[in-house]
PDB file of N, CA and C in Angstrom:
ATOM      1  N   MET A   1     -10.421  -4.935 -35.810  1.00  0.00           N
ATOM      2  CA  MET A   1      -9.250  -4.159 -35.452  1.00  0.00           C
ATOM      3  C   MET A   1      -8.188  -5.106 -34.877  1.00  0.00           C
ATOM      4  N   PRO A   2      -6.940  -5.003 -35.355  1.00  0.00           N
ATOM      5  CA  PRO A   2      -5.904  -5.924 -34.873  1.00  0.00           C
ATOM      6  C   PRO A   2      -5.518  -5.634 -33.432  1.00  0.00           C
ATOM      7  N   ARG A   3      -5.152  -6.682 -32.743  1.00  0.00           N
ATOM      8  CA  ARG A   3      -4.742  -6.567 -31.349  1.00  0.00           C
ATOM      9  C   ARG A   3      -3.327  -5.995 -31.286  1.00  0.00           C
ATOM     10  N   THR A   4      -3.100  -5.067 -30.359  1.00  0.00           N
ATOM     11  CA  THR A   4      -1.787  -4.452 -30.194  1.00  0.00           C
ATOM     12  C   THR A   4      -1.062  -5.122 -29.032  1.00  0.00           C
ATOM     13  N   TYR A   5       0.179  -5.480 -29.245  1.00  0.00           N
ATOM     14  CA  TYR A   5       0.994  -6.082 -28.197  1.00  0.00           C
ATOM     15  C   TYR A   5       2.044  -5.073 -27.750  1.00  0.00           C
ATOM     16  N   PHE A   6       2.280  -5.023 -26.446  1.00  0.00           N
ATOM     17  CA  PHE A   6       3.249  -4.085 -25.878  1.00  0.00           C
ATOM     18  C   PHE A   6       4.383  -4.862 -25.244  1.00  0.00           C
ATOM     19  N   SER A   7       5.588  -4.357 -25.425  1.00  0.00           N
ATOM     20  CA  SER A   7       6.759  -5.011 -24.841  1.00  0.00           C
ATOM     21  C   SER A   7       6.757  -4.833 -23.328  1.00  0.00           C
ATOM     22  N   ALA A   8       7.549  -5.650 -22.659  1.00  0.00           N
ATOM     23  CA  ALA A   8       7.676  -5.551 -21.204  1.00  0.00           C
ATOM     24  C   ALA A   8       8.207  -4.172 -20.811  1.00  0.00           C
ATOM     25  N   GLU A   9       9.080  -3.616 -21.629  1.00  0.00           N
ATOM     26  CA  GLU A   9       9.642  -2.290 -21.343  1.00  0.00           C
ATOM     27  C   GLU A   9       8.560  -1.202 -21.391  1.00  0.00           C
ATOM     28  N   VAL A  10       7.674  -1.275 -22.363  1.00  0.00           N
ATOM     29  CA  VAL A  10       6.586  -0.299 -22.481  1.00  0.00           C
ATOM     30  C   VAL A  10       5.628  -0.442 -21.298  1.00  0.00           C
ATOM     31  N   LYS A  11       5.346  -1.688 -20.916  1.00  0.00           N
ATOM     32  CA  LYS A  11       4.470  -1.929 -19.763  1.00  0.00           C
ATOM     33  C   LYS A  11       5.082  -1.342 -18.491  1.00  0.00           C
ATOM     34  N   ARG A  12       6.404  -1.564 -18.307  1.00  0.00           N
ATOM     35  CA  ARG A  12       7.092  -1.004 -17.126  1.00  0.00           C
ATOM     36  C   ARG A  12       7.037   0.517 -17.127  1.00  0.00           C
ATOM     37  N   GLU A  13       7.235   1.107 -18.303  1.00  0.00           N
ATOM     38  CA  GLU A  13       7.184   2.564 -18.428  1.00  0.00           C
ATOM     39  C   GLU A  13       5.793   3.086 -18.053  1.00  0.00           C
ATOM     40  N   ALA A  14       4.762   2.405 -18.500  1.00  0.00           N
ATOM     41  CA  ALA A  14       3.392   2.817 -18.187  1.00  0.00           C
ATOM     42  C   ALA A  14       3.118   2.707 -16.693  1.00  0.00           C
ATOM     43  N   VAL A  15       3.545   1.619 -16.075  1.00  0.00           N
ATOM     44  CA  VAL A  15       3.361   1.440 -14.633  1.00  0.00           C
ATOM     45  C   VAL A  15       4.124   2.524 -13.874  1.00  0.00           C
ATOM     46  N   ASP A  16       5.347   2.817 -14.312  1.00  0.00           N
ATOM     47  CA  ASP A  16       6.139   3.867 -13.658  1.00  0.00           C
ATOM     48  C   ASP A  16       5.483   5.236 -13.781  1.00  0.00           C
ATOM     49  N   LEU A  17       4.855   5.506 -14.897  1.00  0.00           N
ATOM     50  CA  LEU A  17       4.164   6.792 -15.059  1.00  0.00           C
ATOM     51  C   LEU A  17       3.074   6.956 -13.999  1.00  0.00           C
ATOM     52  N   VAL A  18       2.362   5.885 -13.725  1.00  0.00           N
ATOM     53  CA  VAL A  18       1.283   5.959 -12.739  1.00  0.00           C
ATOM     54  C   VAL A  18       1.848   6.002 -11.322  1.00  0.00           C
ATOM     55  N   LEU A  19       2.817   5.144 -11.032  1.00  0.00           N
ATOM     56  CA  LEU A  19       3.309   5.020  -9.657  1.00  0.00           C
ATOM     57  C   LEU A  19       4.294   6.113  -9.256  1.00  0.00           C
ATOM     58  N   HIS A  20       5.124   6.546 -10.178  1.00  0.00           N
ATOM     59  CA  HIS A  20       6.185   7.489  -9.806  1.00  0.00           C
ATOM     60  C   HIS A  20       5.968   8.902 -10.320  1.00  0.00           C
ATOM     61  N   SER A  21       5.346   9.033 -11.475  1.00  0.00           N
ATOM     62  CA  SER A  21       5.094  10.372 -12.008  1.00  0.00           C
ATOM     63  C   SER A  21       3.742  10.900 -11.560  1.00  0.00           C
ATOM     64  N   ARG A  22       3.000  10.042 -10.877  1.00  0.00           N
ATOM     65  CA  ARG A  22       1.694  10.405 -10.321  1.00  0.00           C
ATOM     66  C   ARG A  22       0.692  10.867 -11.382  1.00  0.00           C
ATOM     67  N   LEU A  23       0.798  10.274 -12.555  1.00  0.00           N
ATOM     68  CA  LEU A  23      -0.213  10.518 -13.579  1.00  0.00           C
ATOM     69  C   LEU A  23      -1.412   9.637 -13.289  1.00  0.00           C
ATOM     70  N   THR A  24      -2.574  10.055 -13.732  1.00  0.00           N
ATOM     71  CA  THR A  24      -3.737   9.190 -13.606  1.00  0.00           C
ATOM     72  C   THR A  24      -3.577   8.032 -14.582  1.00  0.00           C
ATOM     73  N   VAL A  25      -4.304   6.960 -14.323  1.00  0.00           N
ATOM     74  CA  VAL A  25      -4.237   5.803 -15.213  1.00  0.00           C
ATOM     75  C   VAL A  25      -4.687   6.209 -16.617  1.00  0.00           C
ATOM     76  N   ALA A  26      -5.738   7.017 -16.689  1.00  0.00           N
ATOM     77  CA  ALA A  26      -6.235   7.448 -18.001  1.00  0.00           C
ATOM     78  C   ALA A  26      -5.182   8.261 -18.754  1.00  0.00           C
ATOM     79  N   SER A  27      -4.511   9.182 -18.062  1.00  0.00           N
ATOM     80  CA  SER A  27      -3.482  10.007 -18.718  1.00  0.00           C
ATOM     81  C   SER A  27      -2.296   9.166 -19.172  1.00  0.00           C
ATOM     82  N   ALA A  28      -1.854   8.246 -18.307  1.00  0.00           N
ATOM     83  CA  ALA A  28      -0.723   7.397 -18.668  1.00  0.00           C
ATOM     84  C   ALA A  28      -1.082   6.485 -19.831  1.00  0.00           C
ATOM     85  N   ALA A  29      -2.298   5.935 -19.823  1.00  0.00           N
ATOM     86  CA  ALA A  29      -2.725   5.060 -20.913  1.00  0.00           C
ATOM     87  C   ALA A  29      -2.763   5.826 -22.232  1.00  0.00           C
ATOM     88  N   GLN A  30      -3.250   7.046 -22.197  1.00  0.00           N
ATOM     89  CA  GLN A  30      -3.299   7.859 -23.412  1.00  0.00           C
ATOM     90  C   GLN A  30      -1.888   8.157 -23.914  1.00  0.00           C
ATOM     91  N   GLN A  31      -0.978   8.460 -22.987  1.00  0.00           N
ATOM     92  CA  GLN A  31       0.401   8.778 -23.360  1.00  0.00           C
ATOM     93  C   GLN A  31       1.094   7.559 -23.977  1.00  0.00           C
ATOM     94  N   ILE A  32       0.844   6.376 -23.424  1.00  0.00           N
ATOM     95  CA  ILE A  32       1.479   5.150 -23.915  1.00  0.00           C
ATOM     96  C   ILE A  32       0.790   4.643 -25.187  1.00  0.00           C
ATOM     97  N   GLY A  33      -0.516   4.874 -25.265  1.00  0.00           N
ATOM     98  CA  GLY A  33      -1.266   4.384 -26.416  1.00  0.00           C
ATOM     99  C   GLY A  33      -1.943   3.050 -26.165  1.00  0.00           C
ATOM    100  N   CYS A  34      -2.231   2.781 -24.904  1.00  0.00           N
ATOM    101  CA  CYS A  34      -2.916   1.541 -24.560  1.00  0.00           C
ATOM    102  C   CYS A  34      -4.271   1.875 -23.947  1.00  0.00           C
ATOM    103  N   SER A  35      -5.065   0.857 -23.687  1.00  0.00           N
ATOM    104  CA  SER A  35      -6.365   1.094 -23.061  1.00  0.00           C
ATOM    105  C   SER A  35      -6.199   1.236 -21.551  1.00  0.00           C
ATOM    106  N   VAL A  36      -7.170   1.858 -20.933  1.00  0.00           N
ATOM    107  CA  VAL A  36      -7.162   2.009 -19.474  1.00  0.00           C
ATOM    108  C   VAL A  36      -7.222   0.633 -18.817  1.00  0.00           C
ATOM    109  N   ASN A  37      -8.041  -0.263 -19.375  1.00  0.00           N
ATOM    110  CA  ASN A  37      -8.147  -1.615 -18.810  1.00  0.00           C
ATOM    111  C   ASN A  37      -6.822  -2.359 -18.868  1.00  0.00           C
ATOM    112  N   ALA A  38      -6.102  -2.218 -19.971  1.00  0.00           N
ATOM    113  CA  ALA A  38      -4.802  -2.884 -20.094  1.00  0.00           C
ATOM    114  C   ALA A  38      -3.843  -2.361 -19.032  1.00  0.00           C
ATOM    115  N   LEU A  39      -3.822  -1.047 -18.845  1.00  0.00           N
ATOM    116  CA  LEU A  39      -2.919  -0.475 -17.840  1.00  0.00           C
ATOM    117  C   LEU A  39      -3.308  -0.905 -16.432  1.00  0.00           C
ATOM    118  N   HIS A  40      -4.586  -0.994 -16.144  1.00  0.00           N
ATOM    119  CA  HIS A  40      -5.020  -1.501 -14.836  1.00  0.00           C
ATOM    120  C   HIS A  40      -4.534  -2.942 -14.634  1.00  0.00           C
ATOM    121  N   ASN A  41      -4.619  -3.750 -15.682  1.00  0.00           N
ATOM    122  CA  ASN A  41      -4.124  -5.130 -15.582  1.00  0.00           C
ATOM    123  C   ASN A  41      -2.627  -5.161 -15.309  1.00  0.00           C
ATOM    124  N   TRP A  42      -1.858  -4.309 -16.005  1.00  0.00           N
ATOM    125  CA  TRP A  42      -0.410  -4.260 -15.787  1.00  0.00           C
ATOM    126  C   TRP A  42      -0.090  -3.809 -14.370  1.00  0.00           C
ATOM    127  N   LEU A  43      -0.842  -2.832 -13.863  1.00  0.00           N
ATOM    128  CA  LEU A  43      -0.633  -2.365 -12.489  1.00  0.00           C
ATOM    129  C   LEU A  43      -0.922  -3.469 -11.488  1.00  0.00           C
ATOM    130  N   ASN A  44      -2.010  -4.206 -11.700  1.00  0.00           N
ATOM    131  CA  ASN A  44      -2.351  -5.305 -10.787  1.00  0.00           C
ATOM    132  C   ASN A  44      -1.280  -6.383 -10.794  1.00  0.00           C
ATOM    133  N   LYS A  45      -0.767  -6.725 -11.985  1.00  0.00           N
ATOM    134  CA  LYS A  45       0.300  -7.725 -12.071  1.00  0.00           C
ATOM    135  C   LYS A  45       1.571  -7.229 -11.391  1.00  0.00           C
ATOM    136  N   HIS A  46       1.882  -5.947 -11.578  1.00  0.00           N
ATOM    137  CA  HIS A  46       3.063  -5.362 -10.928  1.00  0.00           C
ATOM    138  C   HIS A  46       2.920  -5.428  -9.408  1.00  0.00           C
ATOM    139  N   ARG A  47       1.759  -5.037  -8.906  1.00  0.00           N
ATOM    140  CA  ARG A  47       1.537  -5.050  -7.458  1.00  0.00           C
ATOM    141  C   ARG A  47       1.610  -6.468  -6.905  1.00  0.00           C
ATOM    142  N   GLN A  48       1.070  -7.438  -7.637  1.00  0.00           N
ATOM    143  CA  GLN A  48       1.119  -8.821  -7.180  1.00  0.00           C
ATOM    144  C   GLN A  48       2.551  -9.329  -7.133  1.00  0.00           C
ATOM    145  N   ARG A  49       3.347  -9.000  -8.161  1.00  0.00           N
ATOM    146  CA  ARG A  49       4.762  -9.403  -8.150  1.00  0.00           C
ATOM    147  C   ARG A  49       5.492  -8.754  -6.992  1.00  0.00           C
ATOM    148  N   THR A  50       5.182  -7.490  -6.712  1.00  0.00           N
ATOM    149  CA  THR A  50       5.839  -6.767  -5.623  1.00  0.00           C
ATOM    150  C   THR A  50       5.495  -7.408  -4.291  1.00  0.00           C
ATOM    151  N   VAL A  51       4.237  -7.766  -4.095  1.00  0.00           N
ATOM    152  CA  VAL A  51       3.813  -8.404  -2.842  1.00  0.00           C
ATOM    153  C   VAL A  51       4.493  -9.754  -2.693  1.00  0.00           C
ATOM    154  N   ASP A  52       4.624 -10.494  -3.795  1.00  0.00           N
ATOM    155  CA  ASP A  52       5.217 -11.828  -3.736  1.00  0.00           C
ATOM    156  C   ASP A  52       6.723 -11.806  -3.511  1.00  0.00           C
ATOM    157  N   THR A  53       7.418 -10.737  -3.926  1.00  0.00           N
ATOM    158  CA  THR A  53       8.874 -10.747  -3.876  1.00  0.00           C
ATOM    159  C   THR A  53       9.474  -9.900  -2.758  1.00  0.00           C
ATOM    160  N   GLU A  54       8.768  -8.902  -2.272  1.00  0.00           N
ATOM    161  CA  GLU A  54       9.337  -8.035  -1.249  1.00  0.00           C
ATOM    162  C   GLU A  54       8.988  -8.551   0.143  1.00  0.00           C
ATOM    163  N   PRO A  55       9.981  -8.563   1.028  1.00  0.00           N
ATOM    164  CA  PRO A  55       9.676  -8.977   2.399  1.00  0.00           C
ATOM    165  C   PRO A  55       8.803  -7.916   3.078  1.00  0.00           C
ATOM    166  N   PRO A  56       8.065  -8.308   4.098  1.00  0.00           N
ATOM    167  CA  PRO A  56       7.226  -7.325   4.779  1.00  0.00           C
ATOM    168  C   PRO A  56       8.078  -6.231   5.415  1.00  0.00           C
ATOM    169  N   THR A  57       7.512  -5.057   5.502  1.00  0.00           N
ATOM    170  CA  THR A  57       8.206  -3.926   6.097  1.00  0.00           C
ATOM    171  C   THR A  57       7.780  -3.803   7.549  1.00  0.00           C
ATOM    172  N   PHE A  58       8.744  -3.723   8.417  1.00  0.00           N
ATOM    173  CA  PHE A  58       8.460  -3.557   9.830  1.00  0.00           C
ATOM    174  C   PHE A  58       8.820  -2.136  10.233  1.00  0.00           C
ATOM    175  N   VAL A  59       7.957  -1.524  10.991  1.00  0.00           N
ATOM    176  CA  VAL A  59       8.183  -0.163  11.452  1.00  0.00           C
ATOM    177  C   VAL A  59       8.545  -0.232  12.927  1.00  0.00           C
ATOM    178  N   PRO A  60       9.748   0.212  13.287  1.00  0.00           N
ATOM    179  CA  PRO A  60      10.127   0.150  14.697  1.00  0.00           C
ATOM    180  C   PRO A  60       9.333   1.154  15.525  1.00  0.00           C
ATOM    181  N   LEU A  61       8.984   0.765  16.723  1.00  0.00           N
ATOM    182  CA  LEU A  61       8.287   1.650  17.652  1.00  0.00           C
ATOM    183  C   LEU A  61       9.239   2.040  18.765  1.00  0.00           C
ATOM    184  N   THR A  62       9.212   3.293  19.123  1.00  0.00           N
ATOM    185  CA  THR A  62      10.013   3.774  20.232  1.00  0.00           C
ATOM    186  C   THR A  62       9.083   4.399  21.252  1.00  0.00           C
ATOM    187  N   LEU A  63       9.125   3.888  22.467  1.00  0.00           N
ATOM    188  CA  LEU A  63       8.297   4.446  23.526  1.00  0.00           C
ATOM    189  C   LEU A  63       9.109   5.480  24.289  1.00  0.00           C
ATOM    190  N   ALA A  64       8.509   6.625  24.504  1.00  0.00           N
ATOM    191  CA  ALA A  64       9.195   7.692  25.227  1.00  0.00           C
ATOM    192  C   ALA A  64       9.357   7.330  26.688  1.00  0.00           C
ATOM    193  N   ASP A  65       8.408   6.595  27.230  1.00  0.00           N
ATOM    194  CA  ASP A  65       8.421   6.203  28.628  1.00  0.00           C
ATOM    195  C   ASP A  65       8.323   4.683  28.669  1.00  0.00           C
ATOM    196  N   SER A  66       9.138   4.060  29.508  1.00  0.00           N
ATOM    197  CA  SER A  66       9.119   2.604  29.537  1.00  0.00           C
ATOM    198  C   SER A  66       7.798   2.045  30.059  1.00  0.00           C
ATOM    199  N   LYS A  67       7.047   2.799  30.823  1.00  0.00           N
ATOM    200  CA  LYS A  67       5.746   2.370  31.332  1.00  0.00           C
ATOM    201  C   LYS A  67       4.724   3.461  31.041  1.00  0.00           C
ATOM    202  N   PRO A  68       4.197   3.495  29.820  1.00  0.00           N
ATOM    203  CA  PRO A  68       3.226   4.540  29.513  1.00  0.00           C
ATOM    204  C   PRO A  68       1.952   4.352  30.317  1.00  0.00           C
ATOM    205  N   SER A  69       1.363   5.467  30.710  1.00  0.00           N
ATOM    206  CA  SER A  69       0.132   5.380  31.491  1.00  0.00           C
ATOM    207  C   SER A  69      -1.059   5.088  30.598  1.00  0.00           C
ATOM    208  N   SER A  70      -1.031   5.526  29.332  1.00  0.00           N
ATOM    209  CA  SER A  70      -2.107   5.207  28.400  1.00  0.00           C
ATOM    210  C   SER A  70      -1.592   5.329  26.974  1.00  0.00           C
ATOM    211  N   ILE A  71      -2.269   4.649  26.090  1.00  0.00           N
ATOM    212  CA  ILE A  71      -1.930   4.678  24.675  1.00  0.00           C
ATOM    213  C   ILE A  71      -3.196   4.995  23.910  1.00  0.00           C
ATOM    214  N   GLU A  72      -3.093   5.897  22.934  1.00  0.00           N
ATOM    215  CA  GLU A  72      -4.223   6.220  22.069  1.00  0.00           C
ATOM    216  C   GLU A  72      -3.794   6.006  20.633  1.00  0.00           C
ATOM    217  N   ILE A  73      -4.586   5.219  19.910  1.00  0.00           N
ATOM    218  CA  ILE A  73      -4.311   4.924  18.509  1.00  0.00           C
ATOM    219  C   ILE A  73      -5.532   5.333  17.703  1.00  0.00           C
ATOM    220  N   VAL A  74      -5.310   6.134  16.664  1.00  0.00           N
ATOM    221  CA  VAL A  74      -6.392   6.546  15.773  1.00  0.00           C
ATOM    222  C   VAL A  74      -6.161   5.861  14.438  1.00  0.00           C
ATOM    223  N   THR A  75      -7.123   5.062  13.988  1.00  0.00           N
ATOM    224  CA  THR A  75      -7.006   4.331  12.737  1.00  0.00           C
ATOM    225  C   THR A  75      -7.331   5.248  11.561  1.00  0.00           C
ATOM    226  N   PRO A  76      -6.924   4.880  10.354  1.00  0.00           N
ATOM    227  CA  PRO A  76      -7.211   5.719   9.184  1.00  0.00           C
ATOM    228  C   PRO A  76      -8.700   5.987   8.966  1.00  0.00           C
ATOM    229  N   ASN A  77      -9.564   5.075   9.416  1.00  0.00           N
ATOM    230  CA  ASN A  77     -11.003   5.299   9.237  1.00  0.00           C
ATOM    231  C   ASN A  77     -11.607   6.106  10.383  1.00  0.00           C
ATOM    232  N   GLY A  78     -10.766   6.621  11.290  1.00  0.00           N
ATOM    233  CA  GLY A  78     -11.236   7.515  12.336  1.00  0.00           C
ATOM    234  C   GLY A  78     -11.575   6.842  13.650  1.00  0.00           C
ATOM    235  N   PHE A  79     -11.426   5.527  13.740  1.00  0.00           N
ATOM    236  CA  PHE A  79     -11.704   4.813  14.983  1.00  0.00           C
ATOM    237  C   PHE A  79     -10.583   5.088  15.979  1.00  0.00           C
ATOM    238  N   THR A  80     -10.926   5.427  17.202  1.00  0.00           N
ATOM    239  CA  THR A  80      -9.927   5.716  18.231  1.00  0.00           C
ATOM    240  C   THR A  80      -9.921   4.606  19.260  1.00  0.00           C
ATOM    241  N   LEU A  81      -8.742   4.093  19.562  1.00  0.00           N
ATOM    242  CA  LEU A  81      -8.555   3.041  20.552  1.00  0.00           C
ATOM    243  C   LEU A  81      -7.732   3.622  21.691  1.00  0.00           C
ATOM    244  N   ARG A  82      -8.282   3.581  22.898  1.00  0.00           N
ATOM    245  CA  ARG A  82      -7.560   4.076  24.077  1.00  0.00           C
ATOM    246  C   ARG A  82      -7.334   2.931  25.052  1.00  0.00           C
ATOM    247  N   LEU A  83      -6.090   2.743  25.444  1.00  0.00           N
ATOM    248  CA  LEU A  83      -5.743   1.719  26.423  1.00  0.00           C
ATOM    249  C   LEU A  83      -5.102   2.403  27.622  1.00  0.00           C
ATOM    250  N   ASN A  84      -5.648   2.159  28.783  1.00  0.00           N
ATOM    251  CA  ASN A  84      -5.074   2.698  30.010  1.00  0.00           C
ATOM    252  C   ASN A  84      -4.164   1.660  30.622  1.00  0.00           C
ATOM    253  N   GLN A  85      -2.930   2.001  30.776  1.00  0.00           N
ATOM    254  CA  GLN A  85      -1.900   1.164  31.373  1.00  0.00           C
ATOM    255  C   GLN A  85      -1.889  -0.255  30.798  1.00  0.00           C
ATOM    256  N   PRO A  86      -1.555  -0.388  29.508  1.00  0.00           N
ATOM    257  CA  PRO A  86      -1.496  -1.734  28.933  1.00  0.00           C
ATOM    258  C   PRO A  86      -0.423  -2.551  29.634  1.00  0.00           C
ATOM    259  N   LEU A  87      -0.738  -3.809  29.896  1.00  0.00           N
ATOM    260  CA  LEU A  87       0.180  -4.659  30.638  1.00  0.00           C
ATOM    261  C   LEU A  87       1.314  -5.194  29.763  1.00  0.00           C
ATOM    262  N   SER A  88       1.013  -5.450  28.498  1.00  0.00           N
ATOM    263  CA  SER A  88       2.032  -6.050  27.641  1.00  0.00           C
ATOM    264  C   SER A  88       1.749  -5.745  26.179  1.00  0.00           C
ATOM    265  N   LEU A  89       2.717  -6.068  25.348  1.00  0.00           N
ATOM    266  CA  LEU A  89       2.533  -5.916  23.919  1.00  0.00           C
ATOM    267  C   LEU A  89       1.415  -6.834  23.440  1.00  0.00           C
ATOM    268  N   GLY A  90       1.298  -8.011  24.026  1.00  0.00           N
ATOM    269  CA  GLY A  90       0.233  -8.941  23.669  1.00  0.00           C
ATOM    270  C   GLY A  90      -1.138  -8.345  23.913  1.00  0.00           C
ATOM    271  N   GLU A  91      -1.300  -7.650  25.019  1.00  0.00           N
ATOM    272  CA  GLU A  91      -2.583  -7.009  25.324  1.00  0.00           C
ATOM    273  C   GLU A  91      -2.881  -5.916  24.301  1.00  0.00           C
ATOM    274  N   LEU A  92      -1.866  -5.159  23.966  1.00  0.00           N
ATOM    275  CA  LEU A  92      -2.029  -4.106  22.965  1.00  0.00           C
ATOM    276  C   LEU A  92      -2.451  -4.684  21.621  1.00  0.00           C
ATOM    277  N   LEU A  93      -1.751  -5.748  21.174  1.00  0.00           N
ATOM    278  CA  LEU A  93      -2.082  -6.372  19.907  1.00  0.00           C
ATOM    279  C   LEU A  93      -3.478  -6.989  19.921  1.00  0.00           C
ATOM    280  N   ALA A  94      -3.857  -7.578  21.035  1.00  0.00           N
ATOM    281  CA  ALA A  94      -5.197  -8.169  21.137  1.00  0.00           C
ATOM    282  C   ALA A  94      -6.263  -7.083  21.015  1.00  0.00           C
ATOM    283  N   ALA A  95      -6.014  -5.930  21.626  1.00  0.00           N
ATOM    284  CA  ALA A  95      -6.971  -4.832  21.552  1.00  0.00           C
ATOM    285  C   ALA A  95      -7.055  -4.280  20.138  1.00  0.00           C
ATOM    286  N   ILE A  96      -5.927  -4.164  19.453  1.00  0.00           N
ATOM    287  CA  ILE A  96      -5.930  -3.630  18.098  1.00  0.00           C
ATOM    288  C   ILE A  96      -6.648  -4.571  17.135  1.00  0.00           C
ATOM    289  N   THR A  97      -6.393  -5.862  17.251  1.00  0.00           N
ATOM    290  CA  THR A  97      -7.003  -6.822  16.314  1.00  0.00           C
ATOM    291  C   THR A  97      -8.474  -7.031  16.567  1.00  0.00           C
ATOM    292  N   SER A  98      -8.974  -6.620  17.718  1.00  0.00           N
ATOM    293  CA  SER A  98     -10.404  -6.789  17.992  1.00  0.00           C
ATOM    294  C   SER A  98     -11.220  -5.631  17.455  1.00  0.00           C
ATOM    295  N   CYS A  99     -10.553  -4.605  16.896  1.00  0.00           N
ATOM    296  CA  CYS A  99     -11.283  -3.429  16.383  1.00  0.00           C
ATOM    297  C   CYS A  99     -12.090  -3.767  15.196  1.00  0.00           C
TER     298      CYS A  99
END
């Protein structure tokens, strides 16, 4: 069976279907006419280019009180970190990175 080559435009369209139209990889691959493995490869290359070219995103924090009495952080995996009267941002960061 001959190998099928896809243009950069078709690859971009397939990646956009998965990332923006929220189609599954299998559905997008079927719609484009490529294999699921090929689309996974295109997605990985797209993500790598995005990581290499986009600057990191910083999320500003606003404290309601200039001296909070305690801070509670719940991680996505359900781990809860409680700090009573953190002395500094450095202490907070040290506690978070030790989780």
